[in-house]
Protein backbone atom coordinates (compact mmCIF):
# COMPACT_ATOMS: atom_id res chain seq x y z
CA MET A 1 -18.76 -68.62 -76.90
CA ASN A 2 -17.06 -71.29 -76.56
CA ASN A 3 -16.62 -73.75 -73.00
CA GLU A 4 -12.92 -72.76 -73.17
CA ASN A 5 -13.25 -68.63 -73.41
CA LEU A 6 -15.83 -69.02 -70.67
CA ASN A 7 -13.94 -70.58 -68.81
CA GLU A 8 -11.18 -68.08 -68.72
CA THR A 9 -13.66 -65.52 -68.38
CA SER A 10 -14.79 -66.90 -65.14
CA ASN A 11 -11.01 -67.28 -63.94
CA VAL A 12 -10.35 -63.80 -64.76
CA GLU A 13 -13.21 -62.50 -63.24
CA THR A 14 -12.95 -64.97 -59.74
CA LYS A 15 -8.74 -63.93 -59.36
CA VAL A 16 -10.24 -59.83 -59.64
CA ASP A 17 -12.85 -60.78 -57.08
CA ALA A 18 -9.87 -62.19 -54.65
CA VAL A 19 -7.63 -58.92 -55.03
CA ASP A 20 -10.64 -56.91 -54.18
CA LYS A 21 -11.48 -58.37 -51.32
CA ASN A 22 -7.82 -58.19 -50.50
CA VAL A 23 -7.82 -55.00 -50.92
CA VAL A 24 -10.81 -54.69 -48.49
CA LYS A 25 -8.82 -56.96 -45.84
CA ALA A 26 -6.23 -53.93 -46.22
CA ASN A 27 -7.70 -51.10 -46.03
CA THR A 28 -9.68 -52.60 -43.07
CA SER A 29 -7.02 -53.67 -41.46
CA SER A 30 -4.87 -50.03 -41.42
CA LYS A 31 -7.79 -48.50 -40.43
CA LYS A 32 -8.18 -50.38 -37.45
CA ILE A 33 -4.26 -49.74 -37.23
CA LYS A 34 -5.00 -46.22 -37.62
CA GLY A 35 -7.66 -45.88 -34.82
CA ILE A 36 -5.27 -47.88 -31.99
CA ILE A 37 -2.52 -45.82 -32.50
CA ALA A 38 -4.67 -42.46 -32.36
CA LEU A 39 -6.63 -44.65 -29.35
CA VAL A 40 -3.21 -44.78 -27.88
CA SER A 41 -1.62 -41.17 -28.33
CA VAL A 42 -4.94 -40.15 -26.79
CA LEU A 43 -4.69 -42.20 -24.08
CA LEU A 44 -0.85 -41.19 -23.75
CA ILE A 45 -1.16 -37.19 -24.06
CA ALA A 46 -4.36 -37.55 -21.42
CA ILE A 47 -1.82 -39.11 -18.99
CA GLY A 48 1.11 -37.09 -19.93
CA GLY A 49 -1.24 -34.12 -19.45
CA TYR A 50 -2.56 -35.57 -15.93
CA PHE A 51 0.89 -36.17 -15.11
CA LEU A 52 2.00 -32.86 -15.84
CA TYR A 53 -1.07 -31.40 -14.09
CA SER A 54 -0.99 -33.11 -10.95
CA LYS A 55 2.81 -33.28 -10.92
CA VAL A 56 4.25 -30.29 -12.16
CA LEU A 57 1.81 -27.46 -12.37
CA CYS A 58 -0.43 -29.33 -8.99
CA ASN A 59 2.65 -29.80 -7.18
CA SER A 60 2.67 -28.45 -3.73
CA LYS A 61 5.23 -25.55 -4.52
CA ASN A 62 3.84 -24.52 -7.63
CA LEU A 63 0.61 -23.82 -6.43
CA PHE A 64 2.10 -21.90 -3.37
CA LEU A 65 4.56 -19.96 -5.50
CA ASN A 66 1.55 -19.50 -8.18
CA SER A 67 -0.80 -17.71 -5.43
CA ILE A 68 1.52 -15.73 -4.58
CA ASN A 69 2.38 -14.52 -7.63
CA ASN A 70 -1.00 -13.54 -8.68
CA SER A 71 -2.05 -12.18 -5.78
CA TYR A 72 1.40 -10.11 -5.84
CA LYS A 73 0.26 -8.96 -9.51
CA ASP A 74 -3.46 -8.19 -8.44
CA ALA A 75 -1.77 -6.01 -5.01
CA GLU A 76 0.59 -4.49 -8.35
CA ASP A 77 -2.49 -3.64 -10.30
CA TYR A 78 -4.42 -1.95 -7.85
CA PHE A 79 -1.50 0.40 -6.65
CA ASP A 80 -1.34 1.10 -9.97
CA GLU A 81 -4.91 2.31 -10.69
CA LEU A 82 -4.27 3.96 -7.52
CA THR A 83 -1.25 6.20 -8.55
CA ASN A 84 -1.97 6.36 -12.66
CA THR A 85 -4.38 8.99 -11.96
CA ASP A 86 -4.99 11.72 -14.07
CA SER A 87 -3.68 14.62 -11.62
CA SER A 88 -0.33 11.75 -11.07
CA LYS A 89 0.56 11.89 -14.63
CA LEU A 90 -0.26 15.69 -15.14
CA VAL A 91 2.28 16.19 -12.42
CA GLN A 92 5.00 14.35 -14.23
CA GLU A 93 4.15 16.95 -17.73
CA LYS A 94 3.30 20.26 -15.96
CA SER A 95 4.00 21.88 -13.30
CA VAL A 96 1.62 22.28 -10.04
CA LYS A 97 0.06 24.02 -7.66
CA SER A 98 -2.24 24.01 -4.66
CA THR A 99 -3.33 26.24 -2.09
CA TYR A 100 -5.22 25.23 0.99
CA ASN A 101 -6.96 26.90 3.49
CA MET A 102 -8.57 25.34 6.73
CA GLY A 103 -10.75 26.69 9.39
CA MET A 104 -12.20 24.62 12.21
CA ASN A 105 -14.92 25.15 15.07
CA LEU A 106 -15.18 23.28 18.15
CA SER A 107 -18.66 23.47 20.18
CA ILE A 108 -19.18 22.62 23.41
CA ASP A 109 -22.64 21.27 24.74
CA ASP A 110 -24.73 23.62 26.62
CA SER A 111 -25.07 21.13 29.60
CA LEU A 112 -21.36 21.42 29.57
CA LYS A 113 -20.37 25.20 29.37
CA SER A 114 -21.25 25.85 32.96
CA SER A 115 -18.24 23.93 34.16
CA LEU A 116 -15.48 25.14 32.01
CA THR A 117 -13.32 27.70 33.49
CA THR A 118 -12.37 31.16 31.97
CA GLU A 119 -9.47 29.78 30.57
CA GLN A 120 -10.88 27.11 28.70
CA LYS A 121 -13.66 29.30 27.38
CA ALA A 122 -10.75 31.52 26.22
CA VAL A 123 -8.83 28.45 24.36
CA ILE A 124 -11.59 27.83 22.59
CA THR A 125 -12.94 31.22 21.20
CA GLU A 126 -8.76 31.09 19.97
CA ILE A 127 -9.66 27.77 18.30
CA ASN A 128 -12.63 28.82 16.13
CA LYS A 129 -10.67 31.92 15.21
CA LEU A 130 -7.83 30.50 13.56
CA LYS A 131 -7.50 29.93 10.23
CA ILE A 132 -4.48 27.63 8.55
CA ASN A 133 -3.32 27.66 5.07
CA THR A 134 -0.74 26.32 3.41
CA THR A 135 1.08 26.42 0.17
CA VAL A 136 2.33 23.39 -2.06
CA GLY A 137 4.07 23.91 -5.99
CA TYR A 138 5.90 21.75 -7.82
CA ASP A 139 7.51 21.91 -11.01
CA LEU A 140 9.13 19.06 -12.35
CA LYS A 141 10.96 20.30 -15.36
CA ASN A 142 12.50 23.51 -14.06
CA LYS A 143 13.48 21.63 -10.73
CA GLU A 144 11.50 24.27 -8.65
CA MET A 145 9.29 23.77 -5.63
CA ILE A 146 7.24 26.22 -3.28
CA TYR A 147 6.36 25.05 0.56
CA GLY A 148 4.08 27.31 2.78
CA LEU A 149 2.40 27.50 5.86
CA GLY A 150 0.89 30.01 7.66
CA ALA A 151 -1.66 30.89 10.31
CA ASN A 152 -4.45 34.35 10.96
CA SER A 153 -6.97 35.23 13.16
CA ASN A 154 -9.52 37.80 13.40
CA ASN A 155 -7.89 38.53 10.36
CA SER A 156 -4.63 39.13 11.09
CA GLU A 157 -1.62 37.47 9.86
CA LEU A 158 0.34 35.37 13.49
CA ILE A 159 3.11 33.66 11.10
CA LYS A 160 3.93 32.73 7.73
CA VAL A 161 6.95 30.50 6.86
CA LEU A 162 7.82 29.63 3.13
CA ALA A 163 10.24 27.67 1.75
CA TYR A 164 11.64 27.59 -1.87
CA GLY A 165 13.67 24.81 -3.70
CA SER A 166 15.48 26.48 -6.45
CA ASN A 167 19.38 26.52 -7.77
CA GLN A 168 20.19 23.01 -5.89
CA LYS A 169 19.38 24.64 -2.66
CA PHE A 170 16.64 25.53 -0.23
CA TYR A 171 15.65 29.04 1.03
CA ILE A 172 13.49 29.85 3.99
CA GLU A 173 11.19 32.96 4.24
CA LEU A 174 9.94 34.19 7.44
CA LYS A 175 7.88 36.51 6.33
CA ASN A 176 7.91 40.04 8.08
CA LEU A 177 10.46 38.24 10.95
CA TYR A 178 13.39 38.77 8.99
CA ASP A 179 14.50 40.56 5.56
CA LYS A 180 16.96 38.58 4.37
CA TYR A 181 16.60 34.78 2.43
CA ILE A 182 18.09 31.73 4.96
CA THR A 183 19.65 29.61 2.52
CA ILE A 184 20.08 26.02 3.37
CA PRO A 185 22.29 23.58 0.58
CA THR A 186 20.99 20.28 -0.18
CA GLU A 187 22.54 17.02 -1.34
CA ASN A 188 21.09 15.29 -4.21
CA TYR A 189 18.69 17.85 -4.52
CA ASN A 190 18.42 16.64 -7.93
CA ALA A 191 16.80 13.86 -6.56
CA LEU A 192 14.28 15.55 -5.52
CA PHE A 193 12.56 15.94 -8.81
CA ALA A 194 13.54 12.76 -10.32
CA SER A 195 10.10 11.34 -11.99
CA THR A 196 7.53 10.02 -10.02
CA LYS A 197 6.60 7.44 -12.53
CA THR A 198 10.52 6.02 -12.39
CA LYS A 199 10.75 6.41 -8.64
CA THR A 200 7.65 4.20 -8.85
CA GLU A 201 8.91 1.69 -11.43
CA ASP A 202 12.37 1.02 -9.77
CA ALA A 203 10.36 0.60 -6.61
CA LYS A 204 8.22 -2.00 -7.90
CA TYR A 205 11.20 -3.81 -9.41
CA ILE A 206 13.39 -3.43 -6.51
CA ALA A 207 10.38 -5.36 -3.99
CA LYS A 208 8.92 -7.97 -7.36
CA THR A 209 12.82 -8.97 -7.44
CA VAL A 210 13.36 -9.70 -3.59
CA LYS A 211 10.18 -11.37 -3.55
CA ASP A 212 11.33 -13.64 -6.83
CA LYS A 213 14.55 -14.40 -5.11
CA PHE A 214 13.04 -15.77 -1.97
CA LEU A 215 10.22 -17.76 -3.66
CA GLU A 216 13.26 -19.20 -5.92
CA ASN A 217 15.15 -20.26 -2.84
CA LEU A 218 12.24 -22.10 -1.18
CA GLU A 219 13.00 -26.07 -0.67
CA LYS A 220 10.89 -27.99 -3.27
CA ASP A 221 10.37 -30.90 -0.08
CA ASP A 222 9.12 -28.43 2.94
CA PHE A 223 5.86 -28.08 1.61
CA LYS A 224 3.07 -29.64 3.04
CA LYS A 225 0.06 -29.93 1.67
CA SER A 226 -3.46 -30.60 3.49
CA THR A 227 -7.27 -30.06 3.12
CA THR A 228 -8.73 -28.29 5.93
CA THR A 229 -12.08 -26.08 6.64
CA ILE A 230 -11.83 -22.27 7.27
CA LYS A 231 -14.40 -19.68 8.11
CA ILE A 232 -15.03 -17.09 5.51
CA ASN A 233 -17.52 -14.59 6.02
CA ASN A 234 -19.27 -16.77 8.95
CA LYS A 235 -19.43 -19.63 6.26
CA LYS A 236 -17.27 -23.11 6.23
CA VAL A 237 -14.93 -23.51 3.57
CA LYS A 238 -13.52 -26.57 2.78
CA VAL A 239 -9.83 -25.69 1.12
CA THR A 240 -6.16 -27.16 0.07
CA LYS A 241 -3.83 -25.82 2.57
CA ILE A 242 -0.29 -25.79 1.48
CA GLU A 243 2.63 -25.03 4.11
CA TYR A 244 5.96 -23.80 4.67
CA SER A 245 7.68 -23.89 7.73
CA ILE A 246 11.16 -23.09 8.68
CA SER A 247 12.97 -22.84 11.67
CA GLU A 248 15.11 -19.20 12.85
CA LYS A 249 18.48 -21.30 11.73
CA SER A 250 17.14 -22.54 8.24
CA PHE A 251 15.51 -19.01 7.83
CA ASN A 252 18.72 -16.89 8.54
CA GLU A 253 20.72 -19.57 6.08
CA LEU A 254 17.37 -18.86 3.67
CA SER A 255 18.19 -14.94 4.02
CA VAL A 256 22.01 -15.49 3.27
CA LYS A 257 21.42 -17.39 -0.03
CA VAL A 258 18.32 -14.31 -0.97
CA MET A 259 20.92 -11.66 -0.41
CA GLU A 260 23.80 -13.28 -1.95
CA ASP A 261 21.49 -13.42 -5.63
CA LEU A 262 20.35 -10.19 -4.62
CA LEU A 263 23.78 -9.00 -5.06
CA LYS A 264 24.58 -10.29 -8.08
CA ASP A 265 21.93 -8.75 -9.73
CA LYS A 266 23.44 -5.58 -11.27
CA LYS A 267 19.85 -4.31 -12.27
CA PHE A 268 18.75 -4.63 -8.64
CA ILE A 269 21.86 -2.62 -7.26
CA GLU A 270 20.98 0.06 -10.00
CA LYS A 271 17.73 0.44 -9.46
CA ILE A 272 18.87 0.95 -5.38
CA ALA A 273 21.40 3.15 -6.20
CA SER A 274 18.79 5.44 -8.16
CA ILE A 275 15.89 5.49 -5.90
CA SER A 276 18.38 5.91 -2.62
CA SER A 277 21.32 8.44 -4.31
CA GLN A 278 23.78 6.11 -3.12
CA ASP A 279 26.60 4.64 -4.22
CA GLU A 280 26.27 1.36 -5.80
CA SER A 281 29.55 0.43 -4.24
CA LYS A 282 28.26 1.20 -1.06
CA ILE A 283 25.13 -0.04 -1.55
CA LYS A 284 27.04 -3.55 -2.37
CA THR A 285 29.39 -3.15 0.84
CA SER A 286 26.32 -2.78 3.05
CA ILE A 287 24.44 -6.00 1.41
CA GLN A 288 27.92 -7.81 1.86
CA ASP A 289 28.44 -6.56 5.14
CA GLU A 290 25.11 -8.12 6.06
CA ILE A 291 25.58 -11.66 4.57
CA ASN A 292 28.93 -11.31 6.88
CA GLU A 293 26.69 -10.73 9.88
CA LEU A 294 24.19 -13.45 9.10
CA LYS A 295 26.69 -16.02 8.45
CA ALA A 296 28.45 -15.15 11.71
CA GLN A 297 25.03 -15.91 13.48
CA ASN A 298 24.99 -19.62 11.73
CA LYS A 299 28.34 -20.20 12.68
CA SER A 300 27.85 -19.24 16.55
CA GLY A 301 24.88 -21.90 17.20
CA ASP A 302 23.02 -19.35 19.00
CA LEU A 303 19.93 -19.45 16.71
CA SER A 304 17.30 -21.51 17.80
CA LYS A 305 15.48 -24.12 16.43
CA GLU A 306 12.58 -24.07 18.80
CA LYS A 307 11.52 -20.61 16.90
CA SER A 308 9.91 -21.61 13.51
CA ILE A 309 7.42 -19.19 10.62
CA SER A 310 5.01 -20.71 8.98
CA MET A 311 3.73 -19.33 5.53
CA SER A 312 0.57 -20.94 3.91
CA VAL A 313 -1.48 -20.31 1.29
CA TYR A 314 -5.59 -21.44 0.92
CA LEU A 315 -7.22 -22.89 -2.28
CA LYS A 316 -10.41 -23.31 -2.71
CA GLY A 317 -11.67 -26.10 -5.56
CA ILE A 318 -10.34 -27.78 -8.94
CA THR A 319 -8.95 -24.37 -10.27
CA ASN A 320 -6.96 -24.05 -6.87
CA LYS A 321 -8.30 -20.54 -6.34
CA THR A 322 -6.96 -18.15 -3.90
CA VAL A 323 -8.80 -17.46 -0.94
CA GLY A 324 -6.31 -16.82 1.86
CA PHE A 325 -2.63 -16.74 3.10
CA GLU A 326 -1.73 -17.24 6.75
CA VAL A 327 1.99 -16.70 8.81
CA LEU A 328 2.35 -18.68 12.03
CA VAL A 329 5.45 -17.60 13.85
CA LYS A 330 5.92 -19.69 17.06
CA ASP A 331 7.92 -19.71 19.65
CA LYS A 332 8.13 -22.67 21.93
CA GLU A 333 10.71 -21.45 24.22
CA VAL A 334 8.33 -19.20 25.79
CA ASN A 335 5.60 -21.28 24.41
CA LYS A 336 3.80 -18.21 22.70
CA ASP A 337 2.47 -18.24 19.38
CA TYR A 338 1.39 -15.06 16.74
CA LYS A 339 -0.66 -15.35 13.34
CA LEU A 340 -1.40 -12.88 10.82
CA THR A 341 -4.15 -14.17 8.65
CA TYR A 342 -5.83 -12.48 4.90
CA LEU A 343 -9.02 -14.58 4.04
CA LYS A 344 -11.77 -13.02 1.14
CA ASP A 345 -14.45 -14.16 -1.23
CA ASP A 346 -16.12 -12.36 -3.58
CA LYS A 347 -17.47 -9.59 -1.39
CA ILE A 348 -15.02 -9.34 2.20
CA LYS A 349 -11.72 -9.08 2.39
CA GLU A 350 -11.02 -9.93 6.55
CA PHE A 351 -7.26 -9.22 8.54
CA ASN A 352 -6.94 -10.92 11.82
CA PHE A 353 -4.07 -10.72 14.08
CA TYR A 354 -4.15 -13.21 16.39
CA GLU A 355 -1.76 -14.24 19.82
CA ASP A 356 -1.98 -17.80 21.17
CA ASN A 357 -5.46 -18.08 19.16
CA LYS A 358 -6.90 -15.01 20.74
CA SER A 359 -7.43 -12.16 18.24
CA LEU A 360 -5.99 -8.80 18.82
CA VAL A 361 -6.78 -6.89 15.98
CA ASN A 362 -9.62 -7.82 12.99
CA ILE A 363 -10.28 -5.72 10.05
CA THR A 364 -13.22 -6.33 7.49
CA PHE A 365 -13.77 -4.97 4.44
CA THR A 366 -17.16 -5.51 2.91
CA LYS A 367 -17.84 -4.58 -0.78
CA GLN A 368 -21.88 -3.65 -1.07
CA SER A 369 -22.00 -1.97 -4.21
CA ASN A 370 -19.75 -0.35 -7.01
CA THR A 371 -20.52 2.53 -4.79
CA LYS A 372 -20.81 1.76 -1.44
CA SER A 373 -18.60 -0.15 1.02
CA LYS A 374 -17.95 -1.06 4.36
CA THR A 375 -15.15 -1.65 7.20
CA VAL A 376 -14.77 -2.58 10.75
CA VAL A 377 -11.61 -2.26 12.50
CA LYS A 378 -12.32 -4.42 16.05
CA ALA A 379 -9.32 -4.13 18.71
CA SER A 380 -9.70 -5.30 21.96
CA THR A 381 -12.97 -2.69 22.89
CA LEU A 382 -12.34 -0.67 20.08
CA VAL A 383 -14.91 -0.89 17.02
CA LEU A 384 -14.36 1.59 14.34
CA THR A 385 -17.08 1.34 11.64
CA ILE A 386 -16.34 3.19 8.12
CA ASN A 387 -19.12 3.22 5.55
CA LYS A 388 -18.11 4.66 2.48
CA LYS A 389 -20.54 6.21 -0.35
CA VAL A 390 -19.32 7.78 -3.57
CA GLU A 391 -21.75 9.61 -5.60
CA ASN A 392 -20.64 12.21 -8.91
CA ASP A 393 -17.53 13.56 -7.45
CA VAL A 394 -18.51 13.50 -4.10
CA ALA A 395 -17.09 10.79 -1.60
CA THR A 396 -18.53 10.58 1.76
CA TYR A 397 -17.26 8.46 4.75
CA ASP A 398 -19.31 8.19 7.74
CA PHE A 399 -17.33 6.71 10.98
CA ASP A 400 -18.60 5.21 14.59
CA LEU A 401 -15.91 4.81 16.95
CA ASN A 402 -16.98 2.96 20.14
CA THR A 403 -14.03 2.87 22.69
CA GLY A 404 -15.92 0.22 24.89
CA SER A 405 -15.15 2.07 28.04
CA ALA A 406 -17.59 4.57 29.75
CA SER A 407 -19.63 3.99 27.04
CA ILE A 408 -17.55 6.97 24.84
CA ASN A 409 -18.48 7.04 21.05
CA LEU A 410 -16.88 9.40 18.38
CA THR A 411 -19.25 9.53 15.17
CA GLY A 412 -19.36 12.09 12.29
CA SER A 413 -18.28 12.57 8.75
CA LEU A 414 -15.52 13.06 5.91
CA VAL A 415 -16.90 14.75 3.00
CA ILE A 416 -14.26 15.23 0.10
CA ASN A 417 -16.02 16.98 -3.26
CA THR A 418 -14.03 17.68 -5.76
CA LYS A 419 -14.41 19.47 -9.23
CA GLU A 420 -13.01 19.79 -12.08
CA VAL A 421 -13.08 23.68 -13.25
CA LYS A 422 -11.37 23.52 -16.49
CA LYS A 423 -10.42 20.11 -18.25
CA ASP A 424 -7.01 19.26 -17.21
CA GLU A 425 -5.96 22.26 -16.07
CA LYS A 426 -7.87 23.40 -12.84
CA TYR A 427 -9.77 21.58 -9.74
CA THR A 428 -11.40 22.64 -6.93
CA SER A 429 -11.77 20.54 -3.74
CA ASN A 430 -13.84 21.04 -0.22
CA ILE A 431 -12.58 18.71 2.10
CA LYS A 432 -15.02 18.79 5.39
CA LEU A 433 -14.62 17.08 8.91
CA THR A 434 -17.18 16.82 11.89
CA ALA A 435 -16.40 14.88 14.25
CA ASN A 436 -18.79 14.24 17.57
CA LEU A 437 -18.17 12.99 21.01
CA GLN A 438 -20.25 11.14 22.71
CA SER A 439 -21.22 9.51 26.28
CA SER A 440 -24.01 7.18 27.09
CA GLY A 441 -25.93 8.39 24.56
CA MET A 442 -25.31 12.41 25.46
CA LYS A 443 -23.71 15.04 22.77
CA LEU A 444 -20.55 16.28 24.65
CA ALA A 445 -18.44 18.05 21.88
CA THR A 446 -18.50 18.76 18.25
CA LEU A 447 -15.31 19.30 16.24
CA THR A 448 -15.41 20.40 12.28
CA PHE A 449 -12.75 20.98 9.97
CA ASP A 450 -13.67 23.21 6.62
CA ILE A 451 -10.84 22.70 4.03
CA ASN A 452 -11.07 24.51 0.66
CA GLY A 453 -8.37 24.22 -1.91
CA THR A 454 -7.86 24.82 -5.53
CA THR A 455 -5.02 22.98 -7.80
CA GLU A 456 -3.89 24.33 -10.90
CA TYR A 457 -1.60 22.77 -13.36
CA GLY A 458 1.08 24.25 -16.34
CA THR A 459 1.20 27.35 -14.25
CA LYS A 460 4.71 28.88 -14.02
CA LEU A 461 5.59 29.23 -10.22
CA THR A 462 6.54 32.52 -9.24
CA MET A 463 10.28 32.29 -7.62
CA PRO A 464 11.50 35.57 -5.72
CA ASN A 465 14.80 37.24 -6.14
CA PHE A 466 17.51 35.61 -4.05
CA SER A 467 20.10 37.83 -4.33
CA ASN A 468 19.26 39.13 -0.30
CA SER A 469 20.11 35.67 1.30
CA ILE A 470 22.44 34.60 4.42
CA SER A 471 23.61 31.30 5.00
CA TYR A 472 21.67 29.57 7.96
CA THR A 473 25.43 28.97 9.77
CA ASP A 474 25.76 32.57 9.12
CA LEU A 475 23.03 33.85 11.08
CA THR A 476 24.36 35.90 14.41
CA GLU A 477 22.78 36.45 18.21
CA SER A 478 21.80 39.86 16.72
CA ASP A 479 19.39 37.82 14.09
CA TYR A 480 17.85 35.44 16.22
CA ASN A 481 17.21 38.67 18.49
CA LYS A 482 15.60 40.42 15.44
CA ILE A 483 13.44 37.87 14.85
CA MET A 484 12.01 37.31 18.55
CA THR A 485 11.72 41.21 18.18
CA LYS A 486 9.70 40.60 15.34
CA LEU A 487 7.58 38.12 16.84
CA SER A 488 7.04 39.84 20.48
CA GLU A 489 5.57 42.91 17.97
CA ASN A 490 2.85 40.57 16.90
CA LYS A 491 -0.09 41.30 19.45
CA GLU A 492 -2.48 38.43 18.11
CA LEU A 493 0.72 36.15 18.29
CA VAL A 494 1.57 36.97 22.15
CA SER A 495 -2.26 36.95 23.22
CA LEU A 496 -2.70 33.90 21.58
CA PHE A 497 0.85 32.32 23.25
CA SER A 498 -0.77 33.93 26.67
CA ILE A 499 -4.01 32.43 26.88
CA PHE A 500 -2.92 28.72 26.11
CA GLN A 501 0.00 29.63 28.79
CA ASN A 502 -2.77 30.51 31.19
CA MET A 503 -5.02 27.06 30.77
CA SER A 504 -1.24 25.41 30.85
CA SER A 505 -0.83 26.69 34.44
CA SER A 506 -4.27 26.43 35.12
CA THR A 507 -4.20 22.89 34.53
CA ALA A 508 -1.12 22.33 36.73
CA ILE A 509 -2.42 23.74 39.42
CA GLU A 510 -5.60 21.61 39.51
CA GLY A 511 -3.49 18.92 38.78
């Protein structure tokens, strides 16, 4: 190969190298630019996210509203859990009939028996002989119901009254006292048999709508955020406090806005009409009248700016977990403050009501385990402690009431035992309440209630033939006399009245 060809080859290689270097430089520059763009994008997203979090999601109003709405949802879920039981669902599908029999026993300590009068001893004897029985029947589908109340003594019937709901009327039966059914026409009879589920859903919608309209009309600039320390379960907790304060006059103006919004809500008006069985036009008129009255109060200038109400939420940590609420009412005209607080953590819930920072009522609920809990109620010198325990089908509530006066205590227990006899059809229950009265450690008396009941689903309610009936407006003086004569012929009932009357007379003479 001659020198000329070598030079040409060398020149070509040199050009190729230059092109490769330019390509590498271009790729490197492109990567740098992409890296810069990606970094800028991440920074913009981070800045935007921080702005969204701090200025939008974490502004005072949104924190306040989120806390209220989340707690409201928790309360609504808890209510659903209580109402959506198997028994409540069965009532929607089948008829239900329950019968209960109650006996009672009053026992006086031997140390006090000698101080009782003859009349007092007689009354105690009669109380211990009494047996109360009730019947409750309800049929949603056929729009029928039964309510019955009776009393026996020494196995003799003292009185028995039954009320039947049928054919758009109520029929009253005075067993062994009157030979006809007394009819009582009832307005909006069908409303009594509206689905419980529907009523519950309507009530939930009404409550939620009022809550939402109220929160929507709160002014953003009136919220205040601060840091403070509160006590929960006797522990100091650093929290963020979001407060909304409003004067009496401003609250009136807020109420007008809320009610005007509710008046425009067609579904809200429909739900009110459904649950109250009233005409929609009357409900609208009633709301408008209230709006007019509030506006008149605003114009009168009588509303005070010295009276105010503050609503606060307490939030904990970076997640802004709700740990409490507070409502504070201030009246500078009389220099009085009233405060209601609700504080909670994972184990305890505490309600407090204060007057001028003095605790008037304190209620503390402590969850000890899945089956045990403790509730303590304090009001002035009164302290009520309730320990709850659930095992299988038995719920036991042990209570201790200390009045703080003359060392008088009331202790005892409530035991509820429910058993399913046949799946979805029959249940038996026993409820026993025992209360012991003590003074300075000395037992005074014990009162016991023993209730046995049976509940059956799917059994048809037995309705009598109401052809022999009379309207309550057609009852004559002769009819009343017949009833009174029958009452006077019941020896056990007359004897019972006589004993109580003698005790009443004796007490009056001693007084």
